[in-house]
């Protein structure tokens, strides 16, 4: 799943923390970083989100329900309900 122009980084991580399966950030080289890990989230913020907005994120999402949860978050204007 590719997400574009993500601005609510904290909200995205909050949604990811509620996911049942693994959610991984996939680099352009194909490396995967587990975003359910607090350390990995910190590293992602330091790198990918350093400008305050992620232009494009490639996520690998294991559980279809988790994919729906993340899509609902993005479609809702990135608000956490």
Protein backbone atom coordinates (compact mmCIF):
# COMPACT_ATOMS: atom_id res chain seq x y z
CA UNK A 1 0.00 0.00 0.00
CA UNK A 2 1.37 3.41 -0.95
CA UNK A 3 0.40 6.48 1.08
CA UNK A 4 1.08 9.99 -0.17
CA UNK A 5 1.47 13.32 1.62
CA UNK A 6 0.97 12.03 5.16
CA UNK A 7 0.98 14.99 7.56
CA UNK A 8 -0.49 13.51 10.77
CA UNK A 9 2.49 11.37 11.69
CA UNK A 10 1.47 10.87 15.32
CA UNK A 11 -2.02 9.84 14.24
CA UNK A 12 -0.63 7.34 11.74
CA UNK A 13 1.55 5.76 14.43
CA UNK A 14 -1.43 5.71 16.81
CA UNK A 15 -3.49 3.80 14.22
CA UNK A 16 -0.57 1.45 13.49
CA UNK A 17 -0.23 0.67 17.20
CA UNK A 18 -3.83 -0.65 17.19
CA UNK A 19 -3.18 -3.00 14.26
CA UNK A 20 -3.31 -6.76 14.90
CA UNK A 21 -0.72 -7.82 12.32
CA UNK A 22 2.63 -6.41 11.31
CA UNK A 23 2.87 -3.06 9.54
CA UNK A 24 6.21 -2.38 7.90
CA UNK A 25 7.69 0.61 6.11
CA UNK A 26 9.33 -0.58 2.88
CA UNK A 27 12.36 1.38 1.65
CA UNK A 28 13.15 1.99 -2.00
CA UNK A 29 15.82 -0.71 -1.63
CA UNK A 30 13.23 -3.20 -0.36
CA UNK A 31 14.28 -3.11 3.31
CA UNK A 32 11.41 -3.41 5.79
CA UNK A 33 11.11 -1.59 9.12
CA UNK A 34 8.52 -2.75 11.68
CA UNK A 35 6.46 0.38 12.47
CA UNK A 36 4.88 -1.20 15.55
CA UNK A 37 8.26 -0.79 17.27
CA UNK A 38 8.74 2.51 19.13
CA UNK A 39 12.42 2.59 18.16
CA UNK A 40 11.55 2.06 14.49
CA UNK A 41 8.94 4.83 14.69
CA UNK A 42 11.57 7.17 16.12
CA UNK A 43 13.98 6.31 13.29
CA UNK A 44 11.22 6.78 10.70
CA UNK A 45 10.37 10.20 12.13
CA UNK A 46 14.05 11.19 12.07
CA UNK A 47 14.46 10.13 8.44
CA UNK A 48 11.33 9.86 6.33
CA UNK A 49 9.28 12.47 8.20
CA UNK A 50 12.04 15.01 8.85
CA UNK A 51 10.23 17.65 6.76
CA UNK A 52 6.97 17.21 8.72
CA UNK A 53 5.27 15.45 5.81
CA UNK A 54 5.96 12.15 4.10
CA UNK A 55 5.53 12.60 0.34
CA UNK A 56 5.29 8.85 -0.26
CA UNK A 57 5.30 5.82 2.03
CA UNK A 58 5.23 2.22 0.95
CA UNK A 59 3.71 0.05 3.66
CA UNK A 60 3.50 -3.72 3.88
CA UNK A 61 0.37 -4.57 5.90
CA UNK A 62 -0.21 -8.17 6.95
CA UNK A 63 -3.86 -8.10 8.07
CA UNK A 64 -6.66 -6.92 5.69
CA UNK A 65 -8.55 -5.39 8.64
CA UNK A 66 -5.45 -3.34 9.47
CA UNK A 67 -5.28 -2.14 5.87
CA UNK A 68 -8.89 -0.97 6.13
CA UNK A 69 -8.15 0.79 9.43
CA UNK A 70 -5.23 2.70 7.89
CA UNK A 71 -7.20 3.53 4.72
CA UNK A 72 -10.09 4.86 6.84
CA UNK A 73 -7.59 7.07 8.70
CA UNK A 74 -6.20 8.50 5.45
CA UNK A 75 -9.63 8.96 3.82
CA UNK A 76 -10.97 10.73 6.91
CA UNK A 77 -8.38 13.45 6.47
CA UNK A 78 -5.93 11.79 8.82
CA UNK A 79 -7.98 12.22 11.95
CA UNK A 80 -7.96 9.68 14.75
CA UNK A 81 -11.43 8.68 15.91
